[in-house]
């Protein structure tokens, strides 16, 4: 829409004109992030930064998935990394993962083919991305 524009009708002036638009950014919650990007935001690998290295644990009563290893994002030697009692009984010694670049994400979603409708047989999903988002098709 930025290069070619789209013809729209202005009812007040009773004329058509060409409007140019672009998507600059979106601000949304985590569930909407999953809907817009077709990323699976539930389960054991729900962190879009860590992906396969997401450290999760499932609680026995209620079977809720929790993520306790978030202290690795603090700077090194932060006092919270040494706290055991306030968290899960362990010190945090690992470093944060390297965030994915846009190129790496595109390589992961480029070859995903999505068929609409219900499948007869449930298959084990190996990729956390459900399908390629329409945002990859926009001319930037």
C-alpha atoms as a PDB file:
ATOM      1  CA  UNK A   1       0.000   0.000   0.000  1.00  0.00           C
ATOM      2  CA  UNK A   2       2.959   2.344   0.418  1.00  0.00           C
ATOM      3  CA  UNK A   3       4.257   2.209  -3.168  1.00  0.00           C
ATOM      4  CA  UNK A   4       1.094   1.843  -5.251  1.00  0.00           C
ATOM      5  CA  UNK A   5      -1.509   3.197  -2.854  1.00  0.00           C
ATOM      6  CA  UNK A   6      -5.198   2.329  -2.837  1.00  0.00           C
ATOM      7  CA  UNK A   7      -8.089   4.305  -4.252  1.00  0.00           C
ATOM      8  CA  UNK A   8     -10.608   5.214  -1.525  1.00  0.00           C
ATOM      9  CA  UNK A   9     -13.775   7.262  -1.547  1.00  0.00           C
ATOM     10  CA  UNK A  10     -14.180  10.367   0.622  1.00  0.00           C
ATOM     11  CA  UNK A  11     -17.890  10.671   1.259  1.00  0.00           C
ATOM     12  CA  UNK A  12     -17.682  14.166   2.738  1.00  0.00           C
ATOM     13  CA  UNK A  13     -15.913  15.606  -0.324  1.00  0.00           C
ATOM     14  CA  UNK A  14     -17.713  13.161  -2.657  1.00  0.00           C
ATOM     15  CA  UNK A  15     -14.504  12.257  -4.483  1.00  0.00           C
ATOM     16  CA  UNK A  16     -11.930   9.484  -4.652  1.00  0.00           C
ATOM     17  CA  UNK A  17      -8.282   9.843  -3.764  1.00  0.00           C
ATOM     18  CA  UNK A  18      -5.258   7.614  -3.452  1.00  0.00           C
ATOM     19  CA  UNK A  19      -4.137   6.765   0.071  1.00  0.00           C
ATOM     20  CA  UNK A  20      -0.706   5.376   0.959  1.00  0.00           C
ATOM     21  CA  UNK A  21      -0.214   3.428   4.181  1.00  0.00           C
ATOM     22  CA  UNK A  22       2.325   1.280   5.959  1.00  0.00           C
ATOM     23  CA  UNK A  23       2.373  -0.927   9.041  1.00  0.00           C
ATOM     24  CA  UNK A  24       4.856   0.678  11.395  1.00  0.00           C
ATOM     25  CA  UNK A  25       4.553  -1.442  14.526  1.00  0.00           C
ATOM     26  CA  UNK A  26       2.101  -3.347  16.651  1.00  0.00           C
ATOM     27  CA  UNK A  27       1.741  -3.228  20.424  1.00  0.00           C
ATOM     28  CA  UNK A  28      -0.125  -6.185  21.843  1.00  0.00           C
ATOM     29  CA  UNK A  29      -0.235  -8.771  24.585  1.00  0.00           C
ATOM     30  CA  UNK A  30       1.393 -12.200  24.350  1.00  0.00           C
ATOM     31  CA  UNK A  31      -1.725 -14.044  23.126  1.00  0.00           C
ATOM     32  CA  UNK A  32      -2.231 -11.537  20.308  1.00  0.00           C
ATOM     33  CA  UNK A  33       1.461 -11.847  19.442  1.00  0.00           C
ATOM     34  CA  UNK A  34       0.841 -15.554  18.903  1.00  0.00           C
ATOM     35  CA  UNK A  35      -2.200 -14.860  16.728  1.00  0.00           C
ATOM     36  CA  UNK A  36      -0.434 -12.263  14.564  1.00  0.00           C
ATOM     37  CA  UNK A  37       2.802 -14.168  14.081  1.00  0.00           C
ATOM     38  CA  UNK A  38       1.343 -17.713  14.089  1.00  0.00           C
ATOM     39  CA  UNK A  39       3.713 -18.599  16.923  1.00  0.00           C
ATOM     40  CA  UNK A  40       2.654 -21.187  19.501  1.00  0.00           C
ATOM     41  CA  UNK A  41       2.617 -19.202  22.772  1.00  0.00           C
ATOM     42  CA  UNK A  42       1.455 -22.116  24.932  1.00  0.00           C
ATOM     43  CA  UNK A  43       3.306 -25.094  26.310  1.00  0.00           C
ATOM     44  CA  UNK A  44       6.879 -25.931  27.125  1.00  0.00           C
ATOM     45  CA  UNK A  45       8.579 -24.036  24.269  1.00  0.00           C
ATOM     46  CA  UNK A  46       6.525 -20.841  24.427  1.00  0.00           C
ATOM     47  CA  UNK A  47       9.326 -18.273  24.759  1.00  0.00           C
ATOM     48  CA  UNK A  48       9.947 -16.594  21.382  1.00  0.00           C
ATOM     49  CA  UNK A  49      13.499 -15.671  22.438  1.00  0.00           C
ATOM     50  CA  UNK A  50      14.628 -19.051  23.796  1.00  0.00           C
ATOM     51  CA  UNK A  51      12.447 -21.279  21.550  1.00  0.00           C
ATOM     52  CA  UNK A  52      13.964 -24.782  21.791  1.00  0.00           C
ATOM     53  CA  UNK A  53      16.037 -23.820  24.838  1.00  0.00           C
ATOM     54  CA  UNK A  54      13.022 -22.643  26.867  1.00  0.00           C
ATOM     55  CA  UNK A  55      13.403 -23.870  30.429  1.00  0.00           C
ATOM     56  CA  UNK A  56       9.966 -24.899  31.611  1.00  0.00           C
ATOM     57  CA  UNK A  57       8.560 -27.176  34.248  1.00  0.00           C
ATOM     58  CA  UNK A  58       5.115 -28.689  34.652  1.00  0.00           C
ATOM     59  CA  UNK A  59       3.525 -28.623  38.088  1.00  0.00           C
ATOM     60  CA  UNK A  60       1.965 -31.905  39.158  1.00  0.00           C
ATOM     61  CA  UNK A  61      -1.206 -30.558  40.779  1.00  0.00           C
ATOM     62  CA  UNK A  62      -3.128 -28.805  38.018  1.00  0.00           C
ATOM     63  CA  UNK A  63      -0.574 -29.622  35.290  1.00  0.00           C
ATOM     64  CA  UNK A  64       0.300 -25.943  34.796  1.00  0.00           C
ATOM     65  CA  UNK A  65       3.458 -25.047  32.856  1.00  0.00           C
ATOM     66  CA  UNK A  66       5.759 -22.608  34.647  1.00  0.00           C
ATOM     67  CA  UNK A  67       8.951 -20.803  33.644  1.00  0.00           C
ATOM     68  CA  UNK A  68      11.300 -20.284  36.589  1.00  0.00           C
ATOM     69  CA  UNK A  69      14.642 -19.738  34.882  1.00  0.00           C
ATOM     70  CA  UNK A  70      14.110 -16.088  34.015  1.00  0.00           C
ATOM     71  CA  UNK A  71      16.909 -14.786  36.275  1.00  0.00           C
ATOM     72  CA  UNK A  72      19.472 -15.491  33.535  1.00  0.00           C
ATOM     73  CA  UNK A  73      18.383 -12.215  31.900  1.00  0.00           C
ATOM     74  CA  UNK A  74      19.783 -10.160  34.798  1.00  0.00           C
ATOM     75  CA  UNK A  75      23.308  -8.786  34.442  1.00  0.00           C
ATOM     76  CA  UNK A  76      26.057 -11.074  35.710  1.00  0.00           C
ATOM     77  CA  UNK A  77      26.606 -11.064  39.474  1.00  0.00           C
ATOM     78  CA  UNK A  78      23.130  -9.658  40.131  1.00  0.00           C
ATOM     79  CA  UNK A  79      22.035 -10.547  43.694  1.00  0.00           C
ATOM     80  CA  UNK A  80      18.876 -12.305  42.449  1.00  0.00           C
ATOM     81  CA  UNK A  81      20.952 -14.885  40.589  1.00  0.00           C
ATOM     82  CA  UNK A  82      22.300 -16.215  43.888  1.00  0.00           C
ATOM     83  CA  UNK A  83      18.945 -16.330  45.697  1.00  0.00           C
ATOM     84  CA  UNK A  84      17.735 -19.889  46.172  1.00  0.00           C
ATOM     85  CA  UNK A  85      14.944 -19.722  48.715  1.00  0.00           C
ATOM     86  CA  UNK A  86      12.940 -17.002  46.970  1.00  0.00           C
ATOM     87  CA  UNK A  87      12.857 -18.916  43.691  1.00  0.00           C
ATOM     88  CA  UNK A  88      13.182 -22.626  42.891  1.00  0.00           C
ATOM     89  CA  UNK A  89      15.938 -23.659  45.311  1.00  0.00           C
ATOM     90  CA  UNK A  90      18.719 -23.260  42.720  1.00  0.00           C
ATOM     91  CA  UNK A  91      21.180 -20.560  41.817  1.00  0.00           C
ATOM     92  CA  UNK A  92      21.023 -19.243  38.268  1.00  0.00           C
ATOM     93  CA  UNK A  93      24.333 -19.837  36.496  1.00  0.00           C
ATOM     94  CA  UNK A  94      23.362 -19.894  32.814  1.00  0.00           C
ATOM     95  CA  UNK A  95      23.553 -16.959  30.447  1.00  0.00           C
ATOM     96  CA  UNK A  96      20.660 -15.736  28.296  1.00  0.00           C
ATOM     97  CA  UNK A  97      20.288 -17.152  24.791  1.00  0.00           C
ATOM     98  CA  UNK A  98      21.066 -15.100  21.724  1.00  0.00           C
ATOM     99  CA  UNK A  99      17.830 -13.650  20.324  1.00  0.00           C
ATOM    100  CA  UNK A 100      16.775 -14.785  16.861  1.00  0.00           C
ATOM    101  CA  UNK A 101      17.293 -12.370  14.011  1.00  0.00           C
ATOM    102  CA  UNK A 102      14.595 -11.674  11.452  1.00  0.00           C
ATOM    103  CA  UNK A 103      16.554 -13.664   8.864  1.00  0.00           C
ATOM    104  CA  UNK A 104      16.666 -16.746  11.123  1.00  0.00           C
ATOM    105  CA  UNK A 105      12.939 -16.516  11.829  1.00  0.00           C
ATOM    106  CA  UNK A 106      12.221 -16.208   8.103  1.00  0.00           C
ATOM    107  CA  UNK A 107      14.322 -19.313   7.400  1.00  0.00           C
ATOM    108  CA  UNK A 108      12.260 -21.233   9.981  1.00  0.00           C
ATOM    109  CA  UNK A 109       8.859 -20.191   8.621  1.00  0.00           C
ATOM    110  CA  UNK A 110       9.599 -19.986   4.890  1.00  0.00           C
ATOM    111  CA  UNK A 111       9.005 -23.682   4.194  1.00  0.00           C
ATOM    112  CA  UNK A 112       5.952 -24.168   6.400  1.00  0.00           C
ATOM    113  CA  UNK A 113       2.859 -25.131   4.444  1.00  0.00           C
ATOM    114  CA  UNK A 114      -0.446 -24.786   6.243  1.00  0.00           C
ATOM    115  CA  UNK A 115      -3.626 -26.544   5.190  1.00  0.00           C
ATOM    116  CA  UNK A 116      -6.854 -25.207   6.590  1.00  0.00           C
ATOM    117  CA  UNK A 117      -9.472 -27.437   8.176  1.00  0.00           C
ATOM    118  CA  UNK A 118      -9.276 -30.267  10.638  1.00  0.00           C
ATOM    119  CA  UNK A 119      -6.807 -33.037  10.083  1.00  0.00           C
ATOM    120  CA  UNK A 120      -7.933 -36.594  10.643  1.00  0.00           C
ATOM    121  CA  UNK A 121      -4.821 -37.612  12.498  1.00  0.00           C
ATOM    122  CA  UNK A 122      -3.007 -35.543  15.117  1.00  0.00           C
ATOM    123  CA  UNK A 123       0.690 -35.317  14.439  1.00  0.00           C
ATOM    124  CA  UNK A 124       3.497 -34.339  16.757  1.00  0.00           C
ATOM    125  CA  UNK A 125       4.467 -30.750  15.977  1.00  0.00           C
ATOM    126  CA  UNK A 126       8.225 -30.312  15.647  1.00  0.00           C
ATOM    127  CA  UNK A 127       8.158 -26.630  14.726  1.00  0.00           C
ATOM    128  CA  UNK A 128       6.896 -24.013  17.186  1.00  0.00           C
ATOM    129  CA  UNK A 129       5.765 -21.813  14.270  1.00  0.00           C
ATOM    130  CA  UNK A 130       2.327 -22.840  12.962  1.00  0.00           C
ATOM    131  CA  UNK A 131       2.488 -21.094   9.602  1.00  0.00           C
ATOM    132  CA  UNK A 132       4.154 -18.206   7.813  1.00  0.00           C
ATOM    133  CA  UNK A 133       2.657 -14.875   8.859  1.00  0.00           C
ATOM    134  CA  UNK A 134       1.290 -12.470   6.264  1.00  0.00           C
ATOM    135  CA  UNK A 135       3.687  -9.851   7.641  1.00  0.00           C
ATOM    136  CA  UNK A 136       6.528 -11.596   5.769  1.00  0.00           C
ATOM    137  CA  UNK A 137       4.765 -10.857   2.471  1.00  0.00           C
ATOM    138  CA  UNK A 138       4.541  -7.082   2.969  1.00  0.00           C
ATOM    139  CA  UNK A 139       7.020  -5.005   0.928  1.00  0.00           C
ATOM    140  CA  UNK A 140       9.302  -3.334   3.451  1.00  0.00           C
END
